[in-house]
Amino acid sequence: RVLATQQSADPTQVEADVRRQVAERAEAHRAANAARRLTKEQRREKALEKVQLDRALGLHAAVFAVLSPLAIADVRCRFKIGVSAKELHLTGSLASCGVRDDA
């Protein structure tokens, strides 16, 4: 409605103005997002602060039984477990007791 008077005069110019305004808003949005984006170090610090906050709320323990002794013997599996534990800032130990009898 606002552009109705201009539209009758030169519709091509009105369309170009609208497209320019849309592009300006999109660029302003991208620039604002880029300005708010955290650096790699800031993201790392934020993640560590979150872990410390979670630890301040209390520590939790979990016990896992690995049914297949081959899973722990497999180097690839141990590597995946180690990487996952490091990414999640987990600590703990492994107790191996040989044969497991469920009967």
PDB file of N, CA and C in Angstrom:
ATOM      1  N   ARG A   1       0.817  -1.198   0.000  1.00  0.00           N
ATOM      2  CA  ARG A   1       0.000   0.000   0.000  1.00  0.00           C
ATOM      3  C   ARG A   1       0.857   1.256   0.000  1.00  0.00           C
ATOM      4  N   VAL A   2       1.907   1.222   0.796  1.00  0.00           N
ATOM      5  CA  VAL A   2       2.734   2.426   0.896  1.00  0.00           C
ATOM      6  C   VAL A   2       3.362   2.755  -0.445  1.00  0.00           C
ATOM      7  N   LEU A   3       3.777   1.727  -1.165  1.00  0.00           N
ATOM      8  CA  LEU A   3       4.435   1.957  -2.442  1.00  0.00           C
ATOM      9  C   LEU A   3       3.453   2.017  -3.613  1.00  0.00           C
ATOM     10  N   ALA A   4       2.174   2.058  -3.339  1.00  0.00           N
ATOM     11  CA  ALA A   4       1.167   2.029  -4.399  1.00  0.00           C
ATOM     12  C   ALA A   4       1.274   3.240  -5.315  1.00  0.00           C
ATOM     13  N   THR A   5       1.566   4.396  -4.752  1.00  0.00           N
ATOM     14  CA  THR A   5       1.659   5.583  -5.600  1.00  0.00           C
ATOM     15  C   THR A   5       2.895   5.516  -6.478  1.00  0.00           C
ATOM     16  N   GLN A   6       3.995   4.978  -5.954  1.00  0.00           N
ATOM     17  CA  GLN A   6       5.206   4.869  -6.765  1.00  0.00           C
ATOM     18  C   GLN A   6       5.094   3.738  -7.779  1.00  0.00           C
ATOM     19  N   GLN A   7       4.343   2.709  -7.436  1.00  0.00           N
ATOM     20  CA  GLN A   7       4.237   1.552  -8.297  1.00  0.00           C
ATOM     21  C   GLN A   7       3.630   1.910  -9.647  1.00  0.00           C
ATOM     22  N   SER A   8       2.642   2.771  -9.632  1.00  0.00           N
ATOM     23  CA  SER A   8       2.022   3.146 -10.904  1.00  0.00           C
ATOM     24  C   SER A   8       2.978   3.969 -11.763  1.00  0.00           C
ATOM     25  N   ALA A   9       3.900   4.675 -11.113  1.00  0.00           N
ATOM     26  CA  ALA A   9       4.825   5.501 -11.875  1.00  0.00           C
ATOM     27  C   ALA A   9       5.902   4.643 -12.545  1.00  0.00           C
ATOM     28  N   ASP A  10       6.597   3.754 -11.748  1.00  0.00           N
ATOM     29  CA  ASP A  10       7.682   2.954 -12.317  1.00  0.00           C
ATOM     30  C   ASP A  10       7.797   1.641 -11.539  1.00  0.00           C
ATOM     31  N   PRO A  11       7.084   0.611 -11.965  1.00  0.00           N
ATOM     32  CA  PRO A  11       7.084  -0.653 -11.221  1.00  0.00           C
ATOM     33  C   PRO A  11       8.464  -1.320 -11.179  1.00  0.00           C
ATOM     34  N   THR A  12       9.256  -1.153 -12.196  1.00  0.00           N
ATOM     35  CA  THR A  12      10.585  -1.766 -12.214  1.00  0.00           C
ATOM     36  C   THR A  12      11.476  -1.155 -11.138  1.00  0.00           C
ATOM     37  N   GLN A  13      11.394   0.174 -10.988  1.00  0.00           N
ATOM     38  CA  GLN A  13      12.195   0.861  -9.974  1.00  0.00           C
ATOM     39  C   GLN A  13      11.747   0.467  -8.569  1.00  0.00           C
ATOM     40  N   VAL A  14      10.441   0.322  -8.361  1.00  0.00           N
ATOM     41  CA  VAL A  14       9.909  -0.071  -7.052  1.00  0.00           C
ATOM     42  C   VAL A  14      10.406  -1.469  -6.700  1.00  0.00           C
ATOM     43  N   GLU A  15      10.375  -2.378  -7.668  1.00  0.00           N
ATOM     44  CA  GLU A  15      10.851  -3.743  -7.427  1.00  0.00           C
ATOM     45  C   GLU A  15      12.348  -3.744  -7.097  1.00  0.00           C
ATOM     46  N   ALA A  16      13.113  -2.945  -7.783  1.00  0.00           N
ATOM     47  CA  ALA A  16      14.549  -2.856  -7.519  1.00  0.00           C
ATOM     48  C   ALA A  16      14.803  -2.313  -6.113  1.00  0.00           C
ATOM     49  N   ASP A  17      14.024  -1.321  -5.695  1.00  0.00           N
ATOM     50  CA  ASP A  17      14.175  -0.768  -4.340  1.00  0.00           C
ATOM     51  C   ASP A  17      13.854  -1.808  -3.279  1.00  0.00           C
ATOM     52  N   VAL A  18      12.779  -2.543  -3.503  1.00  0.00           N
ATOM     53  CA  VAL A  18      12.396  -3.580  -2.539  1.00  0.00           C
ATOM     54  C   VAL A  18      13.480  -4.644  -2.448  1.00  0.00           C
ATOM     55  N   ARG A  19      13.995  -5.088  -3.575  1.00  0.00           N
ATOM     56  CA  ARG A  19      15.069  -6.089  -3.569  1.00  0.00           C
ATOM     57  C   ARG A  19      16.323  -5.558  -2.864  1.00  0.00           C
ATOM     58  N   ARG A  20      16.640  -4.298  -3.094  1.00  0.00           N
ATOM     59  CA  ARG A  20      17.802  -3.695  -2.433  1.00  0.00           C
ATOM     60  C   ARG A  20      17.604  -3.653  -0.925  1.00  0.00           C
ATOM     61  N   GLN A  21      16.409  -3.290  -0.481  1.00  0.00           N
ATOM     62  CA  GLN A  21      16.124  -3.235   0.954  1.00  0.00           C
ATOM     63  C   GLN A  21      16.203  -4.623   1.592  1.00  0.00           C
ATOM     64  N   VAL A  22      15.696  -5.626   0.902  1.00  0.00           N
ATOM     65  CA  VAL A  22      15.761  -6.996   1.410  1.00  0.00           C
ATOM     66  C   VAL A  22      17.222  -7.441   1.530  1.00  0.00           C
ATOM     67  N   ALA A  23      18.012  -7.130   0.516  1.00  0.00           N
ATOM     68  CA  ALA A  23      19.426  -7.502   0.538  1.00  0.00           C
ATOM     69  C   ALA A  23      20.160  -6.787   1.674  1.00  0.00           C
ATOM     70  N   GLU A  24      19.838  -5.513   1.907  1.00  0.00           N
ATOM     71  CA  GLU A  24      20.468  -4.765   3.000  1.00  0.00           C
ATOM     72  C   GLU A  24      20.121  -5.379   4.355  1.00  0.00           C
ATOM     73  N   ARG A  25      18.848  -5.759   4.543  1.00  0.00           N
ATOM     74  CA  ARG A  25      18.440  -6.386   5.805  1.00  0.00           C
ATOM     75  C   ARG A  25      19.142  -7.727   5.998  1.00  0.00           C
ATOM     76  N   ALA A  26      19.261  -8.505   4.931  1.00  0.00           N
ATOM     77  CA  ALA A  26      19.928  -9.807   5.031  1.00  0.00           C
ATOM     78  C   ALA A  26      21.402  -9.622   5.373  1.00  0.00           C
ATOM     79  N   GLU A  27      22.050  -8.646   4.756  1.00  0.00           N
ATOM     80  CA  GLU A  27      23.466  -8.395   5.042  1.00  0.00           C
ATOM     81  C   GLU A  27      23.647  -7.889   6.469  1.00  0.00           C
ATOM     82  N   ALA A  28      22.749  -7.034   6.940  1.00  0.00           N
ATOM     83  CA  ALA A  28      22.829  -6.555   8.324  1.00  0.00           C
ATOM     84  C   ALA A  28      22.660  -7.716   9.297  1.00  0.00           C
ATOM     85  N   HIS A  29      21.776  -8.647   8.967  1.00  0.00           N
ATOM     86  CA  HIS A  29      21.566  -9.826   9.810  1.00  0.00           C
ATOM     87  C   HIS A  29      22.831 -10.681   9.865  1.00  0.00           C
ATOM     88  N   ARG A  30      23.439 -10.927   8.703  1.00  0.00           N
ATOM     89  CA  ARG A  30      24.679 -11.717   8.663  1.00  0.00           C
ATOM     90  C   ARG A  30      25.796 -11.024   9.428  1.00  0.00           C
ATOM     91  N   ALA A  31      25.900  -9.716   9.302  1.00  0.00           N
ATOM     92  CA  ALA A  31      26.952  -8.970  10.013  1.00  0.00           C
ATOM     93  C   ALA A  31      26.739  -9.035  11.526  1.00  0.00           C
ATOM     94  N   ALA A  32      25.495  -8.927  11.969  1.00  0.00           N
ATOM     95  CA  ALA A  32      25.202  -9.005  13.407  1.00  0.00           C
ATOM     96  C   ALA A  32      25.544 -10.385  13.950  1.00  0.00           C
ATOM     97  N   ASN A  33      25.215 -11.428  13.190  1.00  0.00           N
ATOM     98  CA  ASN A  33      25.561 -12.786  13.618  1.00  0.00           C
ATOM     99  C   ASN A  33      27.066 -12.976  13.692  1.00  0.00           C
ATOM    100  N   ALA A  34      27.785 -12.445  12.712  1.00  0.00           N
ATOM    101  CA  ALA A  34      29.238 -12.575  12.712  1.00  0.00           C
ATOM    102  C   ALA A  34      29.850 -11.830  13.896  1.00  0.00           C
ATOM    103  N   ALA A  35      29.278 -10.698  14.270  1.00  0.00           N
ATOM    104  CA  ALA A  35      29.800  -9.928  15.404  1.00  0.00           C
ATOM    105  C   ALA A  35      29.563 -10.658  16.722  1.00  0.00           C
ATOM    106  N   ARG A  36      28.458 -11.406  16.828  1.00  0.00           N
ATOM    107  CA  ARG A  36      28.149 -12.138  18.060  1.00  0.00           C
ATOM    108  C   ARG A  36      28.873 -13.467  18.153  1.00  0.00           C
ATOM    109  N   ARG A  37      29.389 -13.964  17.054  1.00  0.00           N
ATOM    110  CA  ARG A  37      30.003 -15.287  17.032  1.00  0.00           C
ATOM    111  C   ARG A  37      31.229 -15.324  17.944  1.00  0.00           C
ATOM    112  N   LEU A  38      31.317 -16.392  18.727  1.00  0.00           N
ATOM    113  CA  LEU A  38      32.428 -16.562  19.652  1.00  0.00           C
ATOM    114  C   LEU A  38      33.642 -17.108  18.914  1.00  0.00           C
ATOM    115  N   THR A  39      34.831 -16.734  19.402  1.00  0.00           N
ATOM    116  CA  THR A  39      36.050 -17.291  18.841  1.00  0.00           C
ATOM    117  C   THR A  39      36.193 -18.728  19.324  1.00  0.00           C
ATOM    118  N   LYS A  40      37.135 -19.438  18.744  1.00  0.00           N
ATOM    119  CA  LYS A  40      37.353 -20.834  19.127  1.00  0.00           C
ATOM    120  C   LYS A  40      37.701 -20.932  20.607  1.00  0.00           C
ATOM    121  N   GLU A  41      38.543 -20.041  21.081  1.00  0.00           N
ATOM    122  CA  GLU A  41      38.944 -20.046  22.491  1.00  0.00           C
ATOM    123  C   GLU A  41      37.754 -19.714  23.401  1.00  0.00           C
ATOM    124  N   GLN A  42      36.919 -18.771  22.992  1.00  0.00           N
ATOM    125  CA  GLN A  42      35.741 -18.416  23.794  1.00  0.00           C
ATOM    126  C   GLN A  42      34.752 -19.577  23.863  1.00  0.00           C
ATOM    127  N   ARG A  43      34.580 -20.303  22.752  1.00  0.00           N
ATOM    128  CA  ARG A  43      33.696 -21.473  22.771  1.00  0.00           C
ATOM    129  C   ARG A  43      34.232 -22.541  23.710  1.00  0.00           C
ATOM    130  N   ARG A  44      35.559 -22.733  23.693  1.00  0.00           N
ATOM    131  CA  ARG A  44      36.189 -23.725  24.572  1.00  0.00           C
ATOM    132  C   ARG A  44      35.988 -23.337  26.033  1.00  0.00           C
ATOM    133  N   GLU A  45      36.223 -22.065  26.361  1.00  0.00           N
ATOM    134  CA  GLU A  45      36.045 -21.596  27.734  1.00  0.00           C
ATOM    135  C   GLU A  45      34.587 -21.734  28.179  1.00  0.00           C
ATOM    136  N   LYS A  46      33.654 -21.432  27.292  1.00  0.00           N
ATOM    137  CA  LYS A  46      32.238 -21.545  27.626  1.00  0.00           C
ATOM    138  C   LYS A  46      31.875 -23.000  27.921  1.00  0.00           C
ATOM    139  N   ALA A  47      32.394 -23.920  27.134  1.00  0.00           N
ATOM    140  CA  ALA A  47      32.112 -25.341  27.360  1.00  0.00           C
ATOM    141  C   ALA A  47      32.710 -25.808  28.684  1.00  0.00           C
ATOM    142  N   LEU A  48      33.931 -25.359  29.001  1.00  0.00           N
ATOM    143  CA  LEU A  48      34.555 -25.740  30.269  1.00  0.00           C
ATOM    144  C   LEU A  48      33.790 -25.154  31.456  1.00  0.00           C
ATOM    145  N   GLU A  49      33.307 -23.934  31.331  1.00  0.00           N
ATOM    146  CA  GLU A  49      32.511 -23.332  32.402  1.00  0.00           C
ATOM    147  C   GLU A  49      31.230 -24.130  32.634  1.00  0.00           C
ATOM    148  N   LYS A  50      30.629 -24.614  31.549  1.00  0.00           N
ATOM    149  CA  LYS A  50      29.411 -25.405  31.681  1.00  0.00           C
ATOM    150  C   LYS A  50      29.704 -26.728  32.390  1.00  0.00           C
ATOM    151  N   VAL A  51      30.839 -27.350  32.066  1.00  0.00           N
ATOM    152  CA  VAL A  51      31.213 -28.599  32.730  1.00  0.00           C
ATOM    153  C   VAL A  51      31.456 -28.346  34.217  1.00  0.00           C
ATOM    154  N   GLN A  52      32.140 -27.254  34.543  1.00  0.00           N
ATOM    155  CA  GLN A  52      32.408 -26.941  35.944  1.00  0.00           C
ATOM    156  C   GLN A  52      31.104 -26.648  36.694  1.00  0.00           C
ATOM    157  N   LEU A  53      30.167 -25.994  36.048  1.00  0.00           N
ATOM    158  CA  LEU A  53      28.875 -25.734  36.668  1.00  0.00           C
ATOM    159  C   LEU A  53      28.128 -27.042  36.929  1.00  0.00           C
ATOM    160  N   ASP A  54      28.177 -27.951  35.956  1.00  0.00           N
ATOM    161  CA  ASP A  54      27.537 -29.257  36.141  1.00  0.00           C
ATOM    162  C   ASP A  54      28.179 -30.017  37.296  1.00  0.00           C
ATOM    163  N   ARG A  55      29.492 -29.937  37.405  1.00  0.00           N
ATOM    164  CA  ARG A  55      30.185 -30.619  38.501  1.00  0.00           C
ATOM    165  C   ARG A  55      29.844 -29.987  39.843  1.00  0.00           C
ATOM    166  N   ALA A  56      29.610 -28.693  39.858  1.00  0.00           N
ATOM    167  CA  ALA A  56      29.264 -28.009  41.107  1.00  0.00           C
ATOM    168  C   ALA A  56      27.899 -28.481  41.623  1.00  0.00           C
ATOM    169  N   LEU A  57      27.041 -28.915  40.711  1.00  0.00           N
ATOM    170  CA  LEU A  57      25.730 -29.406  41.111  1.00  0.00           C
ATOM    171  C   LEU A  57      25.810 -30.797  41.728  1.00  0.00           C
ATOM    172  N   GLY A  58      26.908 -31.481  41.512  1.00  0.00           N
ATOM    173  CA  GLY A  58      27.099 -32.806  42.104  1.00  0.00           C
ATOM    174  C   GLY A  58      27.725 -33.764  41.112  1.00  0.00           C
ATOM    175  N   LEU A  59      28.478 -34.712  41.653  1.00  0.00           N
ATOM    176  CA  LEU A  59      29.108 -35.717  40.813  1.00  0.00           C
ATOM    177  C   LEU A  59      28.194 -36.928  40.689  1.00  0.00           C
ATOM    178  N   HIS A  60      28.261 -37.564  39.555  1.00  0.00           N
ATOM    179  CA  HIS A  60      27.448 -38.746  39.308  1.00  0.00           C
ATOM    180  C   HIS A  60      28.371 -39.910  38.970  1.00  0.00           C
ATOM    181  N   ALA A  61      27.963 -41.099  39.318  1.00  0.00           N
ATOM    182  CA  ALA A  61      28.751 -42.290  39.030  1.00  0.00           C
ATOM    183  C   ALA A  61      27.925 -43.250  38.196  1.00  0.00           C
ATOM    184  N   ALA A  62      28.601 -44.003  37.357  1.00  0.00           N
ATOM    185  CA  ALA A  62      27.940 -45.013  36.542  1.00  0.00           C
ATOM    186  C   ALA A  62      28.868 -46.215  36.454  1.00  0.00           C
ATOM    187  N   VAL A  63      28.270 -47.392  36.427  1.00  0.00           N
ATOM    188  CA  VAL A  63      29.026 -48.631  36.291  1.00  0.00           C
ATOM    189  C   VAL A  63      28.520 -49.330  35.034  1.00  0.00           C
ATOM    190  N   PHE A  64      29.450 -49.769  34.204  1.00  0.00           N
ATOM    191  CA  PHE A  64      29.096 -50.438  32.961  1.00  0.00           C
ATOM    192  C   PHE A  64      29.712 -51.834  32.959  1.00  0.00           C
ATOM    193  N   ALA A  65      28.956 -52.802  32.536  1.00  0.00           N
ATOM    194  CA  ALA A  65      29.458 -54.163  32.369  1.00  0.00           C
ATOM    195  C   ALA A  65      29.611 -54.419  30.882  1.00  0.00           C
ATOM    196  N   VAL A  66      30.809 -54.754  30.461  1.00  0.00           N
ATOM    197  CA  VAL A  66      31.075 -55.059  29.065  1.00  0.00           C
ATOM    198  C   VAL A  66      30.974 -56.564  28.914  1.00  0.00           C
ATOM    199  N   LEU A  67      29.991 -57.016  28.173  1.00  0.00           N
ATOM    200  CA  LEU A  67      29.727 -58.443  28.072  1.00  0.00           C
ATOM    201  C   LEU A  67      30.760 -59.176  27.229  1.00  0.00           C
ATOM    202  N   SER A  68      31.326 -58.497  26.280  1.00  0.00           N
ATOM    203  CA  SER A  68      32.307 -59.141  25.418  1.00  0.00           C
ATOM    204  C   SER A  68      33.706 -58.683  25.808  1.00  0.00           C
ATOM    205  N   PRO A  69      34.546 -59.601  26.296  1.00  0.00           N
ATOM    206  CA  PRO A  69      35.912 -59.194  26.641  1.00  0.00           C
ATOM    207  C   PRO A  69      36.703 -58.760  25.417  1.00  0.00           C
ATOM    208  N   LEU A  70      36.256 -59.143  24.236  1.00  0.00           N
ATOM    209  CA  LEU A  70      36.950 -58.727  23.015  1.00  0.00           C
ATOM    210  C   LEU A  70      36.785 -57.241  22.762  1.00  0.00           C
ATOM    211  N   ALA A  71      35.685 -56.658  23.256  1.00  0.00           N
ATOM    212  CA  ALA A  71      35.445 -55.231  23.042  1.00  0.00           C
ATOM    213  C   ALA A  71      36.523 -54.392  23.717  1.00  0.00           C
ATOM    214  N   ILE A  72      36.934 -54.784  24.913  1.00  0.00           N
ATOM    215  CA  ILE A  72      37.975 -54.045  25.618  1.00  0.00           C
ATOM    216  C   ILE A  72      39.350 -54.365  25.035  1.00  0.00           C
ATOM    217  N   ALA A  73      39.510 -55.561  24.506  1.00  0.00           N
ATOM    218  CA  ALA A  73      40.793 -55.945  23.917  1.00  0.00           C
ATOM    219  C   ALA A  73      41.011 -55.260  22.568  1.00  0.00           C
ATOM    220  N   ASP A  74      39.933 -54.863  21.910  1.00  0.00           N
ATOM    221  CA  ASP A  74      40.035 -54.239  20.596  1.00  0.00           C
ATOM    222  C   ASP A  74      40.555 -52.806  20.733  1.00  0.00           C
ATOM    223  N   VAL A  75      41.635 -52.516  20.039  1.00  0.00           N
ATOM    224  CA  VAL A  75      42.276 -51.201  20.131  1.00  0.00           C
ATOM    225  C   VAL A  75      41.355 -50.106  19.615  1.00  0.00           C
ATOM    226  N   ARG A  76      40.634 -50.371  18.537  1.00  0.00           N
ATOM    227  CA  ARG A  76      39.727 -49.360  17.980  1.00  0.00           C
ATOM    228  C   ARG A  76      38.629 -49.008  18.969  1.00  0.00           C
ATOM    229  N   CYS A  77      38.090 -50.018  19.639  1.00  0.00           N
ATOM    230  CA  CYS A  77      37.017 -49.787  20.604  1.00  0.00           C
ATOM    231  C   CYS A  77      37.537 -48.979  21.795  1.00  0.00           C
ATOM    232  N   ARG A  78      38.723 -49.323  22.284  1.00  0.00           N
ATOM    233  CA  ARG A  78      39.310 -48.572  23.401  1.00  0.00           C
ATOM    234  C   ARG A  78      39.580 -47.125  22.998  1.00  0.00           C
ATOM    235  N   PHE A  79      40.017 -46.929  21.754  1.00  0.00           N
ATOM    236  CA  PHE A  79      40.266 -45.578  21.269  1.00  0.00           C
ATOM    237  C   PHE A  79      38.973 -44.765  21.249  1.00  0.00           C
ATOM    238  N   LYS A  80      37.891 -45.355  20.743  1.00  0.00           N
ATOM    239  CA  LYS A  80      36.602 -44.659  20.688  1.00  0.00           C
ATOM    240  C   LYS A  80      36.102 -44.324  22.091  1.00  0.00           C
ATOM    241  N   ILE A  81      36.264 -45.254  23.007  1.00  0.00           N
ATOM    242  CA  ILE A  81      35.851 -45.007  24.391  1.00  0.00           C
ATOM    243  C   ILE A  81      36.669 -43.866  24.981  1.00  0.00           C
ATOM    244  N   GLY A  82      37.970 -43.885  24.728  1.00  0.00           N
ATOM    245  CA  GLY A  82      38.847 -42.824  25.251  1.00  0.00           C
ATOM    246  C   GLY A  82      38.509 -41.458  24.688  1.00  0.00           C
ATOM    247  N   VAL A  83      38.260 -41.386  23.394  1.00  0.00           N
ATOM    248  CA  VAL A  83      37.925 -40.105  22.757  1.00  0.00           C
ATOM    249  C   VAL A  83      36.593 -39.586  23.290  1.00  0.00           C
ATOM    250  N   SER A  84      35.604 -40.467  23.408  1.00  0.00           N
ATOM    251  CA  SER A  84      34.301 -40.048  23.931  1.00  0.00           C
ATOM    252  C   SER A  84      34.428 -39.547  25.363  1.00  0.00           C
ATOM    253  N   ALA A  85      35.210 -40.248  26.170  1.00  0.00           N
ATOM    254  CA  ALA A  85      35.398 -39.836  27.560  1.00  0.00           C
ATOM    255  C   ALA A  85      36.088 -38.478  27.634  1.00  0.00           C
ATOM    256  N   LYS A  86      37.061 -38.251  26.775  1.00  0.00           N
ATOM    257  CA  LYS A  86      37.776 -36.973  26.786  1.00  0.00           C
ATOM    258  C   LYS A  86      36.851 -35.831  26.356  1.00  0.00           C
ATOM    259  N   GLU A  87      36.039 -36.066  25.319  1.00  0.00           N
ATOM    260  CA  GLU A  87      35.128 -35.026  24.845  1.00  0.00           C
ATOM    261  C   GLU A  87      34.085 -34.671  25.895  1.00  0.00           C
ATOM    262  N   LEU A  88      33.668 -35.656  26.686  1.00  0.00           N
ATOM    263  CA  LEU A  88      32.645 -35.427  27.702  1.00  0.00           C
ATOM    264  C   LEU A  88      33.242 -35.119  29.074  1.00  0.00           C
ATOM    265  N   HIS A  89      34.560 -34.987  29.134  1.00  0.00           N
ATOM    266  CA  HIS A  89      35.264 -34.671  30.375  1.00  0.00           C
ATOM    267  C   HIS A  89      34.954 -35.692  31.469  1.00  0.00           C
ATOM    268  N   LEU A  90      34.952 -36.958  31.090  1.00  0.00           N
ATOM    269  CA  LEU A  90      34.680 -38.023  32.041  1.00  0.00           C
ATOM    270  C   LEU A  90      35.983 -38.523  32.659  1.00  0.00           C
ATOM    271  N   THR A  91      35.898 -38.997  33.866  1.00  0.00           N
ATOM    272  CA  THR A  91      37.040 -39.617  34.518  1.00  0.00           C
ATOM    273  C   THR A  91      36.598 -40.961  35.060  1.00  0.00           C
ATOM    274  N   GLY A  92      37.532 -41.841  35.300  1.00  0.00           N
ATOM    275  CA  GLY A  92      37.160 -43.141  35.843  1.00  0.00           C
ATOM    276  C   GLY A  92      38.268 -44.145  35.665  1.00  0.00           C
ATOM    277  N   SER A  93      37.932 -45.387  35.904  1.00  0.00           N
ATOM    278  CA  SER A  93      38.914 -46.452  35.781  1.00  0.00           C
ATOM    279  C   SER A  93      38.230 -47.703  35.263  1.00  0.00           C
ATOM    280  N   LEU A  94      39.049 -48.676  34.893  1.00  0.00           N
ATOM    281  CA  LEU A  94      38.563 -49.941  34.374  1.00  0.00           C
ATOM    282  C   LEU A  94      39.006 -51.041  35.311  1.00  0.00           C
ATOM    283  N   ALA A  95      38.068 -51.856  35.726  1.00  0.00           N
ATOM    284  CA  ALA A  95      38.380 -53.020  36.553  1.00  0.00           C
ATOM    285  C   ALA A  95      38.051 -54.252  35.734  1.00  0.00           C
ATOM    286  N   SER A  96      39.039 -55.044  35.445  1.00  0.00           N
ATOM    287  CA  SER A  96      38.840 -56.247  34.657  1.00  0.00           C
ATOM    288  C   SER A  96      38.901 -57.453  35.591  1.00  0.00           C
ATOM    289  N   CYS A  97      37.897 -58.315  35.485  1.00  0.00           N
ATOM    290  CA  CYS A  97      37.865 -59.460  36.401  1.00  0.00           C
ATOM    291  C   CYS A  97      37.782 -60.793  35.676  1.00  0.00           C
ATOM    292  N   GLY A  98      38.228 -60.843  34.450  1.00  0.00           N
ATOM    293  CA  GLY A  98      38.281 -62.117  33.736  1.00  0.00           C
ATOM    294  C   GLY A  98      36.917 -62.592  33.277  1.00  0.00           C
ATOM    295  N   VAL A  99      36.510 -63.784  33.717  1.00  0.00           N
ATOM    296  CA  VAL A  99      35.280 -64.419  33.248  1.00  0.00           C
ATOM    297  C   VAL A  99      34.095 -63.912  34.028  1.00  0.00           C
ATOM    298  N   ARG A 100      32.998 -63.660  33.327  1.00  0.00           N
ATOM    299  CA  ARG A 100      31.766 -63.204  33.953  1.00  0.00           C
ATOM    300  C   ARG A 100      30.754 -64.324  33.855  1.00  0.00           C
ATOM    301  N   ASP A 101      30.170 -64.704  34.975  1.00  0.00           N
ATOM    302  CA  ASP A 101      29.200 -65.794  34.987  1.00  0.00           C
ATOM    303  C   ASP A 101      27.871 -65.257  35.476  1.00  0.00           C
ATOM    304  N   ASP A 102      26.862 -65.256  34.574  1.00  0.00           N
ATOM    305  CA  ASP A 102      25.541 -64.740  34.933  1.00  0.00           C
ATOM    306  C   ASP A 102      24.653 -65.794  35.586  1.00  0.00           C
ATOM    307  N   ALA A 103      25.033 -67.047  35.514  1.00  0.00           N
ATOM    308  CA  ALA A 103      24.177 -68.131  36.015  1.00  0.00           C
ATOM    309  C   ALA A 103      24.139 -68.209  37.513  1.00  0.00           C
TER     310      ALA A 103
END
